[in-house]
PDB file of N, CA and C in Angstrom:
ATOM      1  N   MET A   1      82.709  41.833 -34.583  1.00  0.00           N
ATOM      2  CA  MET A   1      81.777  42.047 -35.687  1.00  0.00           C
ATOM      3  C   MET A   1      82.402  41.966 -37.000  1.00  0.00           C
ATOM      4  N   TRP A   2      81.962  41.741 -38.209  1.00  0.00           N
ATOM      5  CA  TRP A   2      82.424  41.562 -39.400  1.00  0.00           C
ATOM      6  C   TRP A   2      82.042  42.742 -40.178  1.00  0.00           C
ATOM      7  N   MET A   3      82.791  43.553 -40.957  1.00  0.00           N
ATOM      8  CA  MET A   3      82.433  44.798 -41.771  1.00  0.00           C
ATOM      9  C   MET A   3      82.640  44.268 -43.091  1.00  0.00           C
ATOM     10  N   LEU A   4      81.721  44.252 -43.857  1.00  0.00           N
ATOM     11  CA  LEU A   4      81.737  43.800 -45.367  1.00  0.00           C
ATOM     12  C   LEU A   4      82.059  45.332 -46.068  1.00  0.00           C
ATOM     13  N   GLN A   5      83.090  44.796 -46.894  1.00  0.00           N
ATOM     14  CA  GLN A   5      83.308  45.879 -47.766  1.00  0.00           C
ATOM     15  C   GLN A   5      82.982  45.638 -49.064  1.00  0.00           C
ATOM     16  N   GLU A   6      82.389  46.983 -49.839  1.00  0.00           N
ATOM     17  CA  GLU A   6      81.673  46.928 -50.989  1.00  0.00           C
ATOM     18  C   GLU A   6      82.583  46.906 -51.858  1.00  0.00           C
ATOM     19  N   ARG A   7      82.521  45.955 -52.996  1.00  0.00           N
ATOM     20  CA  ARG A   7      83.602  45.878 -53.947  1.00  0.00           C
ATOM     21  C   ARG A   7      83.303  46.685 -55.136  1.00  0.00           C
ATOM     22  N   ARG A   8      82.121  47.196 -55.255  1.00  0.00           N
ATOM     23  CA  ARG A   8      81.543  47.921 -56.374  1.00  0.00           C
ATOM     24  C   ARG A   8      81.849  49.475 -55.938  1.00  0.00           C
ATOM     25  N   GLN A   9      82.520  49.844 -57.034  1.00  0.00           N
ATOM     26  CA  GLN A   9      82.850  51.162 -57.043  1.00  0.00           C
ATOM     27  C   GLN A   9      81.697  52.384 -57.333  1.00  0.00           C
ATOM     28  N   GLN A  10      80.773  51.789 -58.269  1.00  0.00           N
ATOM     29  CA  GLN A  10      79.720  52.535 -58.658  1.00  0.00           C
ATOM     30  C   GLN A  10      78.629  51.571 -58.438  1.00  0.00           C
ATOM     31  N   ARG A  11      77.279  52.379 -58.020  1.00  0.00           N
ATOM     32  CA  ARG A  11      76.168  51.514 -57.819  1.00  0.00           C
ATOM     33  C   ARG A  11      74.942  52.318 -58.174  1.00  0.00           C
ATOM     34  N   THR A  12      73.778  51.950 -58.824  1.00  0.00           N
ATOM     35  CA  THR A  12      72.722  52.538 -59.108  1.00  0.00           C
ATOM     36  C   THR A  12      71.413  51.700 -59.025  1.00  0.00           C
ATOM     37  N   THR A  13      70.470  52.249 -59.140  1.00  0.00           N
ATOM     38  CA  THR A  13      69.125  51.366 -59.124  1.00  0.00           C
ATOM     39  C   THR A  13      68.686  51.384 -60.450  1.00  0.00           C
ATOM     40  N   GLU A  14      69.231  52.335 -61.299  1.00  0.00           N
ATOM     41  CA  GLU A  14      68.866  52.339 -62.730  1.00  0.00           C
ATOM     42  C   GLU A  14      69.375  51.376 -63.636  1.00  0.00           C
ATOM     43  N   ARG A  15      68.658  50.463 -64.300  1.00  0.00           N
ATOM     44  CA  ARG A  15      68.932  49.418 -65.132  1.00  0.00           C
ATOM     45  C   ARG A  15      70.121  49.873 -66.294  1.00  0.00           C
ATOM     46  N   ASP A  16      69.877  50.852 -66.881  1.00  0.00           N
ATOM     47  CA  ASP A  16      70.597  50.987 -67.875  1.00  0.00           C
ATOM     48  C   ASP A  16      71.969  51.359 -67.350  1.00  0.00           C
ATOM     49  N   SER A  17      72.018  52.448 -66.251  1.00  0.00           N
ATOM     50  CA  SER A  17      73.212  52.584 -65.667  1.00  0.00           C
ATOM     51  C   SER A  17      74.312  51.605 -65.472  1.00  0.00           C
ATOM     52  N   ALA A  18      73.323  50.414 -64.390  1.00  0.00           N
ATOM     53  CA  ALA A  18      73.998  49.481 -64.083  1.00  0.00           C
ATOM     54  C   ALA A  18      74.593  48.547 -65.029  1.00  0.00           C
ATOM     55  N   LEU A  19      73.774  48.419 -66.268  1.00  0.00           N
ATOM     56  CA  LEU A  19      74.497  47.391 -67.218  1.00  0.00           C
ATOM     57  C   LEU A  19      75.747  48.099 -67.934  1.00  0.00           C
ATOM     58  N   ARG A  20      75.616  49.543 -67.961  1.00  0.00           N
ATOM     59  CA  ARG A  20      76.832  49.945 -68.406  1.00  0.00           C
ATOM     60  C   ARG A  20      77.907  50.094 -67.516  1.00  0.00           C
ATOM     61  N   TYR A  21      77.711  50.404 -66.161  1.00  0.00           N
ATOM     62  CA  TYR A  21      78.879  50.185 -65.313  1.00  0.00           C
ATOM     63  C   TYR A  21      79.310  48.880 -65.313  1.00  0.00           C
ATOM     64  N   GLN A  22      78.487  47.779 -65.509  1.00  0.00           N
ATOM     65  CA  GLN A  22      78.991  46.324 -65.411  1.00  0.00           C
ATOM     66  C   GLN A  22      79.827  46.196 -66.629  1.00  0.00           C
ATOM     67  N   LEU A  23      79.595  46.628 -67.740  1.00  0.00           N
ATOM     68  CA  LEU A  23      80.115  46.185 -68.983  1.00  0.00           C
ATOM     69  C   LEU A  23      81.341  47.211 -69.179  1.00  0.00           C
ATOM     70  N   GLU A  24      81.613  48.401 -68.660  1.00  0.00           N
ATOM     71  CA  GLU A  24      82.607  49.058 -68.486  1.00  0.00           C
ATOM     72  C   GLU A  24      83.727  48.558 -67.602  1.00  0.00           C
ATOM     73  N   HIS A  25      83.053  48.250 -66.452  1.00  0.00           N
ATOM     74  CA  HIS A  25      84.356  47.612 -65.550  1.00  0.00           C
ATOM     75  C   HIS A  25      84.884  46.392 -66.126  1.00  0.00           C
ATOM     76  N   SER A  26      84.044  45.515 -66.826  1.00  0.00           N
ATOM     77  CA  SER A  26      84.663  44.327 -67.455  1.00  0.00           C
ATOM     78  C   SER A  26      85.507  44.739 -68.734  1.00  0.00           C
ATOM     79  N   ARG A  27      85.134  45.568 -69.267  1.00  0.00           N
ATOM     80  CA  ARG A  27      86.012  45.976 -70.492  1.00  0.00           C
ATOM     81  C   ARG A  27      87.368  46.524 -70.150  1.00  0.00           C
ATOM     82  N   VAL A  28      87.113  47.281 -68.983  1.00  0.00           N
ATOM     83  CA  VAL A  28      88.820  47.871 -68.575  1.00  0.00           C
ATOM     84  C   VAL A  28      89.393  46.814 -68.030  1.00  0.00           C
ATOM     85  N   ARG A  29      88.693  45.871 -67.199  1.00  0.00           N
ATOM     86  CA  ARG A  29      89.521  45.068 -66.550  1.00  0.00           C
ATOM     87  C   ARG A  29      90.023  43.959 -67.336  1.00  0.00           C
ATOM     88  N   GLY A  30      89.430  43.868 -68.641  1.00  0.00           N
ATOM     89  CA  GLY A  30      89.874  42.730 -69.480  1.00  0.00           C
ATOM     90  C   GLY A  30      90.518  43.133 -70.659  1.00  0.00           C
ATOM     91  N   GLY A  31      90.905  44.623 -70.731  1.00  0.00           N
ATOM     92  CA  GLY A  31      91.457  45.136 -72.064  1.00  0.00           C
ATOM     93  C   GLY A  31      90.805  44.807 -73.035  1.00  0.00           C
ATOM     94  N   LEU A  32      89.664  45.083 -73.025  1.00  0.00           N
ATOM     95  CA  LEU A  32      88.734  44.891 -74.314  1.00  0.00           C
ATOM     96  C   LEU A  32      88.750  46.122 -75.166  1.00  0.00           C
ATOM     97  N   GLU A  33      88.587  45.938 -76.331  1.00  0.00           N
ATOM     98  CA  GLU A  33      88.131  47.228 -76.859  1.00  0.00           C
ATOM     99  C   GLU A  33      86.635  47.711 -76.967  1.00  0.00           C
ATOM    100  N   ALA A  34      86.010  47.012 -76.891  1.00  0.00           N
ATOM    101  CA  ALA A  34      84.561  47.055 -76.730  1.00  0.00           C
ATOM    102  C   ALA A  34      83.823  45.815 -75.981  1.00  0.00           C
ATOM    103  N   LEU A  35      82.680  45.907 -75.708  1.00  0.00           N
ATOM    104  CA  LEU A  35      81.774  45.167 -75.037  1.00  0.00           C
ATOM    105  C   LEU A  35      80.294  45.655 -75.006  1.00  0.00           C
ATOM    106  N   VAL A  36      79.496  44.652 -75.517  1.00  0.00           N
ATOM    107  CA  VAL A  36      78.618  45.072 -76.049  1.00  0.00           C
ATOM    108  C   VAL A  36      77.076  43.958 -75.687  1.00  0.00           C
ATOM    109  N   LEU A  37      76.253  44.520 -74.898  1.00  0.00           N
ATOM    110  CA  LEU A  37      75.051  43.301 -74.991  1.00  0.00           C
ATOM    111  C   LEU A  37      74.076  43.815 -75.956  1.00  0.00           C
ATOM    112  N   ALA A  38      73.567  42.823 -76.864  1.00  0.00           N
ATOM    113  CA  ALA A  38      72.514  43.152 -78.093  1.00  0.00           C
ATOM    114  C   ALA A  38      71.403  42.269 -77.836  1.00  0.00           C
ATOM    115  N   ASP A  39      70.242  42.550 -78.535  1.00  0.00           N
ATOM    116  CA  ASP A  39      69.262  41.757 -78.493  1.00  0.00           C
ATOM    117  C   ASP A  39      69.213  41.111 -79.624  1.00  0.00           C
ATOM    118  N   GLN A  40      68.181  40.169 -80.180  1.00  0.00           N
ATOM    119  CA  GLN A  40      68.248  39.266 -81.277  1.00  0.00           C
ATOM    120  C   GLN A  40      68.029  40.030 -82.694  1.00  0.00           C
ATOM    121  N   GLN A  41      67.619  41.253 -82.591  1.00  0.00           N
ATOM    122  CA  GLN A  41      67.822  41.975 -83.830  1.00  0.00           C
ATOM    123  C   GLN A  41      68.983  43.036 -84.311  1.00  0.00           C
ATOM    124  N   GLY A  42      69.964  42.576 -83.157  1.00  0.00           N
ATOM    125  CA  GLY A  42      71.404  43.232 -83.334  1.00  0.00           C
ATOM    126  C   GLY A  42      71.229  44.730 -82.867  1.00  0.00           C
ATOM    127  N   MET A  43      70.300  45.262 -81.981  1.00  0.00           N
ATOM    128  CA  MET A  43      70.167  46.377 -81.297  1.00  0.00           C
ATOM    129  C   MET A  43      70.962  46.307 -79.946  1.00  0.00           C
ATOM    130  N   VAL A  44      71.596  47.546 -79.884  1.00  0.00           N
ATOM    131  CA  VAL A  44      72.515  47.469 -78.616  1.00  0.00           C
ATOM    132  C   VAL A  44      71.604  47.949 -77.395  1.00  0.00           C
ATOM    133  N   VAL A  45      71.650  47.095 -76.430  1.00  0.00           N
ATOM    134  CA  VAL A  45      70.917  47.173 -75.036  1.00  0.00           C
ATOM    135  C   VAL A  45      71.967  47.783 -74.112  1.00  0.00           C
ATOM    136  N   ALA A  46      73.147  47.709 -74.146  1.00  0.00           N
ATOM    137  CA  ALA A  46      74.209  48.459 -73.239  1.00  0.00           C
ATOM    138  C   ALA A  46      75.610  48.213 -73.818  1.00  0.00           C
ATOM    139  N   SER A  47      76.286  49.346 -73.789  1.00  0.00           N
ATOM    140  CA  SER A  47      77.535  48.844 -74.243  1.00  0.00           C
ATOM    141  C   SER A  47      78.870  49.665 -73.376  1.00  0.00           C
ATOM    142  N   ALA A  48      80.045  49.165 -73.652  1.00  0.00           N
ATOM    143  CA  ALA A  48      80.954  49.899 -73.288  1.00  0.00           C
ATOM    144  C   ALA A  48      82.380  49.803 -74.368  1.00  0.00           C
ATOM    145  N   GLY A  49      82.921  51.280 -74.612  1.00  0.00           N
ATOM    146  CA  GLY A  49      83.730  51.310 -75.709  1.00  0.00           C
ATOM    147  C   GLY A  49      83.257  52.436 -76.646  1.00  0.00           C
ATOM    148  N   GLU A  50      84.101  52.603 -77.712  1.00  0.00           N
ATOM    149  CA  GLU A  50      83.970  53.583 -78.808  1.00  0.00           C
ATOM    150  C   GLU A  50      82.212  52.972 -79.394  1.00  0.00           C
ATOM    151  N   ALA A  51      81.676  54.296 -79.518  1.00  0.00           N
ATOM    152  CA  ALA A  51      80.149  53.950 -79.973  1.00  0.00           C
ATOM    153  C   ALA A  51      79.970  53.133 -81.235  1.00  0.00           C
ATOM    154  N   ALA A  52      80.697  53.815 -82.189  1.00  0.00           N
ATOM    155  CA  ALA A  52      80.812  53.313 -83.663  1.00  0.00           C
ATOM    156  C   ALA A  52      81.024  51.648 -83.610  1.00  0.00           C
ATOM    157  N   VAL A  53      82.265  51.108 -82.817  1.00  0.00           N
ATOM    158  CA  VAL A  53      82.493  49.909 -82.642  1.00  0.00           C
ATOM    159  C   VAL A  53      81.359  49.044 -82.122  1.00  0.00           C
ATOM    160  N   CYS A  54      80.924  49.711 -80.967  1.00  0.00           N
ATOM    161  CA  CYS A  54      79.901  49.050 -80.149  1.00  0.00           C
ATOM    162  C   CYS A  54      78.550  48.846 -81.042  1.00  0.00           C
ATOM    163  N   GLU A  55      78.257  49.702 -82.162  1.00  0.00           N
ATOM    164  CA  GLU A  55      77.048  49.489 -82.726  1.00  0.00           C
ATOM    165  C   GLU A  55      77.382  48.433 -83.955  1.00  0.00           C
ATOM    166  N   GLU A  56      78.567  48.346 -84.533  1.00  0.00           N
ATOM    167  CA  GLU A  56      79.075  47.370 -85.476  1.00  0.00           C
ATOM    168  C   GLU A  56      78.827  45.823 -84.734  1.00  0.00           C
ATOM    169  N   LEU A  57      79.439  45.742 -83.336  1.00  0.00           N
ATOM    170  CA  LEU A  57      79.494  44.803 -82.771  1.00  0.00           C
ATOM    171  C   LEU A  57      78.210  44.327 -82.311  1.00  0.00           C
ATOM    172  N   GLY A  58      77.524  45.001 -81.918  1.00  0.00           N
ATOM    173  CA  GLY A  58      75.913  44.683 -81.575  1.00  0.00           C
ATOM    174  C   GLY A  58      75.249  44.157 -82.874  1.00  0.00           C
ATOM    175  N   ALA A  59      75.336  44.769 -83.861  1.00  0.00           N
ATOM    176  CA  ALA A  59      74.684  44.243 -85.141  1.00  0.00           C
ATOM    177  C   ALA A  59      75.115  43.112 -85.578  1.00  0.00           C
ATOM    178  N   ILE A  60      76.359  42.696 -85.571  1.00  0.00           N
ATOM    179  CA  ILE A  60      76.670  41.403 -85.971  1.00  0.00           C
ATOM    180  C   ILE A  60      76.583  40.226 -84.823  1.00  0.00           C
ATOM    181  N   ALA A  61      76.513  40.382 -83.599  1.00  0.00           N
ATOM    182  CA  ALA A  61      76.606  39.514 -82.419  1.00  0.00           C
ATOM    183  C   ALA A  61      75.514  38.464 -82.602  1.00  0.00           C
ATOM    184  N   PRO A  62      74.232  38.760 -83.013  1.00  0.00           N
ATOM    185  CA  PRO A  62      73.160  37.617 -83.131  1.00  0.00           C
ATOM    186  C   PRO A  62      73.831  36.692 -84.611  1.00  0.00           C
ATOM    187  N   LEU A  63      74.281  37.136 -85.534  1.00  0.00           N
ATOM    188  CA  LEU A  63      74.422  36.317 -86.699  1.00  0.00           C
ATOM    189  C   LEU A  63      75.773  35.767 -86.529  1.00  0.00           C
ATOM    190  N   MET A  64      76.793  36.214 -85.504  1.00  0.00           N
ATOM    191  CA  MET A  64      78.039  35.436 -85.499  1.00  0.00           C
ATOM    192  C   MET A  64      77.571  34.252 -84.581  1.00  0.00           C
ATOM    193  N   SER A  65      76.584  34.478 -83.612  1.00  0.00           N
ATOM    194  CA  SER A  65      76.287  33.333 -82.551  1.00  0.00           C
ATOM    195  C   SER A  65      75.511  32.248 -83.293  1.00  0.00           C
ATOM    196  N   ARG A  66      75.005  32.471 -84.432  1.00  0.00           N
ATOM    197  CA  ARG A  66      74.408  31.177 -85.242  1.00  0.00           C
ATOM    198  C   ARG A  66      75.368  30.904 -86.274  1.00  0.00           C
ATOM    199  N   SER A  67      76.449  31.519 -86.575  1.00  0.00           N
ATOM    200  CA  SER A  67      77.370  30.929 -87.954  1.00  0.00           C
ATOM    201  C   SER A  67      78.250  29.968 -87.247  1.00  0.00           C
ATOM    202  N   VAL A  68      78.369  28.943 -87.932  1.00  0.00           N
ATOM    203  CA  VAL A  68      79.206  27.773 -87.754  1.00  0.00           C
ATOM    204  C   VAL A  68      80.538  27.850 -88.257  1.00  0.00           C
ATOM    205  N   MET A  69      80.776  28.206 -89.313  1.00  0.00           N
ATOM    206  CA  MET A  69      81.643  28.684 -90.063  1.00  0.00           C
ATOM    207  C   MET A  69      82.594  30.068 -89.929  1.00  0.00           C
ATOM    208  N   GLY A  70      81.948  30.961 -89.107  1.00  0.00           N
ATOM    209  CA  GLY A  70      82.216  32.247 -88.969  1.00  0.00           C
ATOM    210  C   GLY A  70      81.884  33.101 -90.227  1.00  0.00           C
ATOM    211  N   MET A  71      82.159  34.351 -90.310  1.00  0.00           N
ATOM    212  CA  MET A  71      81.785  35.253 -91.306  1.00  0.00           C
ATOM    213  C   MET A  71      82.670  36.405 -91.575  1.00  0.00           C
ATOM    214  N   PRO A  72      82.691  37.135 -92.620  1.00  0.00           N
ATOM    215  CA  PRO A  72      83.176  38.335 -92.881  1.00  0.00           C
ATOM    216  C   PRO A  72      82.987  39.443 -91.573  1.00  0.00           C
ATOM    217  N   LEU A  73      84.038  40.256 -91.067  1.00  0.00           N
ATOM    218  CA  LEU A  73      83.636  41.192 -90.219  1.00  0.00           C
ATOM    219  C   LEU A  73      83.380  42.490 -90.801  1.00  0.00           C
ATOM    220  N   PRO A  74      82.576  43.409 -90.322  1.00  0.00           N
ATOM    221  CA  PRO A  74      82.625  44.739 -90.851  1.00  0.00           C
ATOM    222  C   PRO A  74      83.856  45.404 -90.663  1.00  0.00           C
ATOM    223  N   PRO A  75      83.837  46.797 -91.500  1.00  0.00           N
ATOM    224  CA  PRO A  75      85.162  47.466 -91.387  1.00  0.00           C
ATOM    225  C   PRO A  75      85.815  47.836 -89.854  1.00  0.00           C
ATOM    226  N   LEU A  76      84.995  48.280 -88.969  1.00  0.00           N
ATOM    227  CA  LEU A  76      85.446  48.572 -87.426  1.00  0.00           C
ATOM    228  C   LEU A  76      86.025  47.369 -86.834  1.00  0.00           C
ATOM    229  N   LEU A  77      85.496  46.295 -87.211  1.00  0.00           N
ATOM    230  CA  LEU A  77      85.895  45.089 -86.447  1.00  0.00           C
ATOM    231  C   LEU A  77      87.036  44.101 -86.909  1.00  0.00           C
ATOM    232  N   ARG A  78      87.371  44.600 -88.161  1.00  0.00           N
ATOM    233  CA  ARG A  78      88.229  43.738 -88.799  1.00  0.00           C
ATOM    234  C   ARG A  78      89.621  43.808 -88.009  1.00  0.00           C
ATOM    235  N   GLY A  79      90.322  42.901 -87.983  1.00  0.00           N
ATOM    236  CA  GLY A  79      91.692  42.639 -87.386  1.00  0.00           C
ATOM    237  C   GLY A  79      91.692  42.474 -85.682  1.00  0.00           C
ATOM    238  N   GLY A  80      90.435  42.520 -85.183  1.00  0.00           N
ATOM    239  CA  GLY A  80      90.056  42.151 -83.965  1.00  0.00           C
ATOM    240  C   GLY A  80      89.399  40.739 -83.779  1.00  0.00           C
ATOM    241  N   GLU A  81      89.837  40.140 -82.661  1.00  0.00           N
ATOM    242  CA  GLU A  81      89.072  39.199 -82.287  1.00  0.00           C
ATOM    243  C   GLU A  81      87.748  39.146 -81.496  1.00  0.00           C
ATOM    244  N   VAL A  82      86.616  38.625 -82.307  1.00  0.00           N
ATOM    245  CA  VAL A  82      85.278  38.965 -81.916  1.00  0.00           C
ATOM    246  C   VAL A  82      84.809  37.580 -81.246  1.00  0.00           C
ATOM    247  N   VAL A  83      84.248  37.751 -80.037  1.00  0.00           N
ATOM    248  CA  VAL A  83      83.690  36.404 -79.043  1.00  0.00           C
ATOM    249  C   VAL A  83      82.221  36.925 -78.758  1.00  0.00           C
ATOM    250  N   VAL A  84      81.270  36.138 -79.111  1.00  0.00           N
ATOM    251  CA  VAL A  84      79.985  36.257 -78.714  1.00  0.00           C
ATOM    252  C   VAL A  84      79.513  35.097 -77.866  1.00  0.00           C
ATOM    253  N   ARG A  85      78.884  35.536 -76.862  1.00  0.00           N
ATOM    254  CA  ARG A  85      78.255  34.401 -75.595  1.00  0.00           C
ATOM    255  C   ARG A  85      76.630  34.810 -75.680  1.00  0.00           C
ATOM    256  N   PRO A  86      75.959  33.780 -76.251  1.00  0.00           N
ATOM    257  CA  PRO A  86      74.593  33.908 -76.174  1.00  0.00           C
ATOM    258  C   PRO A  86      73.918  33.720 -74.826  1.00  0.00           C
ATOM    259  N   LEU A  87      72.876  34.283 -74.273  1.00  0.00           N
ATOM    260  CA  LEU A  87      72.361  34.231 -73.089  1.00  0.00           C
ATOM    261  C   LEU A  87      70.747  34.410 -73.460  1.00  0.00           C
ATOM    262  N   ARG A  88      69.935  33.643 -72.575  1.00  0.00           N
ATOM    263  CA  ARG A  88      68.548  33.562 -72.716  1.00  0.00           C
ATOM    264  C   ARG A  88      67.865  33.947 -71.293  1.00  0.00           C
ATOM    265  N   LEU A  89      67.151  35.055 -71.313  1.00  0.00           N
ATOM    266  CA  LEU A  89      66.572  35.570 -70.053  1.00  0.00           C
ATOM    267  C   LEU A  89      65.237  36.101 -70.262  1.00  0.00           C
ATOM    268  N   TYR A  90      64.387  35.712 -69.328  1.00  0.00           N
ATOM    269  CA  TYR A  90      62.905  35.735 -69.273  1.00  0.00           C
ATOM    270  C   TYR A  90      62.421  35.432 -70.841  1.00  0.00           C
ATOM    271  N   GLY A  91      62.867  34.472 -71.409  1.00  0.00           N
ATOM    272  CA  GLY A  91      62.446  33.928 -72.867  1.00  0.00           C
ATOM    273  C   GLY A  91      62.896  34.942 -73.975  1.00  0.00           C
ATOM    274  N   GLN A  92      63.707  35.819 -73.551  1.00  0.00           N
ATOM    275  CA  GLN A  92      64.566  36.584 -74.749  1.00  0.00           C
ATOM    276  C   GLN A  92      65.998  36.429 -74.847  1.00  0.00           C
ATOM    277  N   ASP A  93      66.216  36.232 -76.367  1.00  0.00           N
ATOM    278  CA  ASP A  93      67.478  35.911 -76.567  1.00  0.00           C
ATOM    279  C   ASP A  93      68.325  37.288 -76.516  1.00  0.00           C
ATOM    280  N   LEU A  94      69.580  37.080 -75.911  1.00  0.00           N
ATOM    281  CA  LEU A  94      70.545  38.321 -75.784  1.00  0.00           C
ATOM    282  C   LEU A  94      71.990  37.882 -76.085  1.00  0.00           C
ATOM    283  N   TYR A  95      72.725  38.690 -76.413  1.00  0.00           N
ATOM    284  CA  TYR A  95      74.050  38.522 -76.836  1.00  0.00           C
ATOM    285  C   TYR A  95      75.243  39.216 -76.313  1.00  0.00           C
ATOM    286  N   LEU A  96      76.105  38.734 -75.537  1.00  0.00           N
ATOM    287  CA  LEU A  96      77.234  39.356 -75.149  1.00  0.00           C
ATOM    288  C   LEU A  96      78.484  39.349 -75.959  1.00  0.00           C
ATOM    289  N   ALA A  97      78.642  40.364 -76.590  1.00  0.00           N
ATOM    290  CA  ALA A  97      79.856  40.348 -77.531  1.00  0.00           C
ATOM    291  C   ALA A  97      81.065  41.257 -77.295  1.00  0.00           C
ATOM    292  N   CYS A  98      82.255  40.798 -77.529  1.00  0.00           N
ATOM    293  CA  CYS A  98      83.350  41.665 -77.237  1.00  0.00           C
ATOM    294  C   CYS A  98      84.435  41.516 -78.342  1.00  0.00           C
ATOM    295  N   VAL A  99      85.115  42.561 -78.535  1.00  0.00           N
ATOM    296  CA  VAL A  99      86.255  42.328 -79.558  1.00  0.00           C
ATOM    297  C   VAL A  99      87.360  42.799 -78.646  1.00  0.00           C
ATOM    298  N   GLY A 100      88.602  41.985 -78.774  1.00  0.00           N
ATOM    299  CA  GLY A 100      89.726  42.473 -78.070  1.00  0.00           C
ATOM    300  C   GLY A 100      89.992  41.359 -76.956  1.00  0.00           C
ATOM    301  N   GLY A 101      90.724  41.767 -76.052  1.00  0.00           N
ATOM    302  CA  GLY A 101      91.137  40.907 -74.931  1.00  0.00           C
ATOM    303  C   GLY A 101      92.135  39.879 -75.085  1.00  0.00           C
ATOM    304  N   GLY A 102      92.342  39.192 -73.868  1.00  0.00           N
ATOM    305  CA  GLY A 102      93.738  38.299 -73.748  1.00  0.00           C
ATOM    306  C   GLY A 102      93.246  37.111 -73.193  1.00  0.00           C
ATOM    307  N   VAL A 103      93.854  36.233 -72.496  1.00  0.00           N
ATOM    308  CA  VAL A 103      93.605  35.009 -72.122  1.00  0.00           C
ATOM    309  C   VAL A 103      92.590  34.910 -70.957  1.00  0.00           C
ATOM    310  N   ALA A 104      92.494  35.882 -70.409  1.00  0.00           N
ATOM    311  CA  ALA A 104      91.290  35.744 -69.496  1.00  0.00           C
ATOM    312  C   ALA A 104      90.039  36.074 -69.780  1.00  0.00           C
ATOM    313  N   ARG A 105      89.937  36.327 -70.933  1.00  0.00           N
ATOM    314  CA  ARG A 105      88.695  37.017 -71.588  1.00  0.00           C
ATOM    315  C   ARG A 105      87.322  35.901 -71.447  1.00  0.00           C
ATOM    316  N   ASP A 106      87.808  34.620 -71.564  1.00  0.00           N
ATOM    317  CA  ASP A 106      86.449  33.859 -71.160  1.00  0.00           C
ATOM    318  C   ASP A 106      85.994  33.894 -69.629  1.00  0.00           C
ATOM    319  N   ALA A 107      86.899  33.826 -68.809  1.00  0.00           N
ATOM    320  CA  ALA A 107      86.337  33.874 -67.542  1.00  0.00           C
ATOM    321  C   ALA A 107      85.656  35.342 -67.362  1.00  0.00           C
ATOM    322  N   LEU A 108      86.267  36.220 -67.804  1.00  0.00           N
ATOM    323  CA  LEU A 108      85.896  37.559 -67.683  1.00  0.00           C
ATOM    324  C   LEU A 108      84.424  37.706 -68.450  1.00  0.00           C
ATOM    325  N   LEU A 109      84.028  36.951 -69.469  1.00  0.00           N
ATOM    326  CA  LEU A 109      82.794  37.172 -70.134  1.00  0.00           C
ATOM    327  C   LEU A 109      81.746  36.213 -69.365  1.00  0.00           C
ATOM    328  N   SER A 110      82.171  35.367 -68.660  1.00  0.00           N
ATOM    329  CA  SER A 110      81.359  34.388 -67.835  1.00  0.00           C
ATOM    330  C   SER A 110      80.928  35.080 -66.481  1.00  0.00           C
ATOM    331  N   ASN A 111      81.827  36.070 -66.048  1.00  0.00           N
ATOM    332  CA  ASN A 111      81.598  36.892 -64.933  1.00  0.00           C
ATOM    333  C   ASN A 111      80.655  38.108 -65.551  1.00  0.00           C
ATOM    334  N   SER A 112      80.689  38.592 -66.570  1.00  0.00           N
ATOM    335  CA  SER A 112      79.842  39.482 -67.292  1.00  0.00           C
ATOM    336  C   SER A 112      78.314  39.175 -67.423  1.00  0.00           C
ATOM    337  N   VAL A 113      78.347  37.823 -68.012  1.00  0.00           N
ATOM    338  CA  VAL A 113      77.057  37.297 -68.221  1.00  0.00           C
ATOM    339  C   VAL A 113      76.157  37.199 -66.799  1.00  0.00           C
ATOM    340  N   SER A 114      77.132  36.766 -65.738  1.00  0.00           N
ATOM    341  CA  SER A 114      76.332  36.623 -64.244  1.00  0.00           C
ATOM    342  C   SER A 114      75.984  37.892 -64.077  1.00  0.00           C
ATOM    343  N   GLY A 115      76.640  39.049 -64.288  1.00  0.00           N
ATOM    344  CA  GLY A 115      76.366  40.384 -63.872  1.00  0.00           C
ATOM    345  C   GLY A 115      75.171  41.076 -64.548  1.00  0.00           C
ATOM    346  N   VAL A 116      75.135  40.879 -65.804  1.00  0.00           N
ATOM    347  CA  VAL A 116      74.133  41.213 -66.768  1.00  0.00           C
ATOM    348  C   VAL A 116      72.784  40.395 -66.461  1.00  0.00           C
ATOM    349  N   GLN A 117      72.870  39.210 -66.189  1.00  0.00           N
ATOM    350  CA  GLN A 117      71.576  38.362 -65.582  1.00  0.00           C
ATOM    351  C   GLN A 117      71.298  38.823 -64.127  1.00  0.00           C
ATOM    352  N   ARG A 118      72.014  39.075 -63.304  1.00  0.00           N
ATOM    353  CA  ARG A 118      71.595  39.686 -61.912  1.00  0.00           C
ATOM    354  C   ARG A 118      70.875  41.071 -62.073  1.00  0.00           C
ATOM    355  N   ILE A 119      71.422  41.954 -62.912  1.00  0.00           N
ATOM    356  CA  ILE A 119      71.047  43.020 -62.930  1.00  0.00           C
ATOM    357  C   ILE A 119      69.755  43.275 -63.684  1.00  0.00           C
ATOM    358  N   LEU A 120      69.309  42.336 -64.886  1.00  0.00           N
ATOM    359  CA  LEU A 120      68.124  42.230 -65.286  1.00  0.00           C
ATOM    360  C   LEU A 120      67.063  41.695 -64.530  1.00  0.00           C
ATOM    361  N   ALA A 121      67.614  40.539 -63.768  1.00  0.00           N
ATOM    362  CA  ALA A 121      66.585  40.139 -63.098  1.00  0.00           C
ATOM    363  C   ALA A 121      66.002  40.776 -61.852  1.00  0.00           C
ATOM    364  N   ALA A 122      66.930  41.634 -61.390  1.00  0.00           N
ATOM    365  CA  ALA A 122      66.628  42.681 -60.239  1.00  0.00           C
ATOM    366  C   ALA A 122      65.671  43.942 -60.681  1.00  0.00           C
ATOM    367  N   ASN A 123      65.777  44.228 -61.990  1.00  0.00           N
ATOM    368  CA  ASN A 123      64.916  45.335 -62.734  1.00  0.00           C
ATOM    369  C   ASN A 123      63.880  44.837 -63.383  1.00  0.00           C
TER     370      ASN A 123
END
């Protein structure tokens, strides 16, 4: 008989906590300074990292996703590489944004998008 080993260290049925655990796991694994899920108004839905950095990252995520030529970054984000991944779930535009990270960042963000979609679909 096969025994399945649970890969998740933390588990919860609460959506907000599950999102926070997902983002924190990805942030630590990828060496990111901050990782944020924001809505189309730039409001933070869930975050991992220093609160002030997360607030600025969330606020700028929808704007950066629509900008073709880039844009100046707010003070707490200057000097960092900011990446935004748009996602649409149940008719709502959301943005997964991070600052920092290395070469595996794109794969990590794709994995995080899948995790966020799974959590939001379940709740």
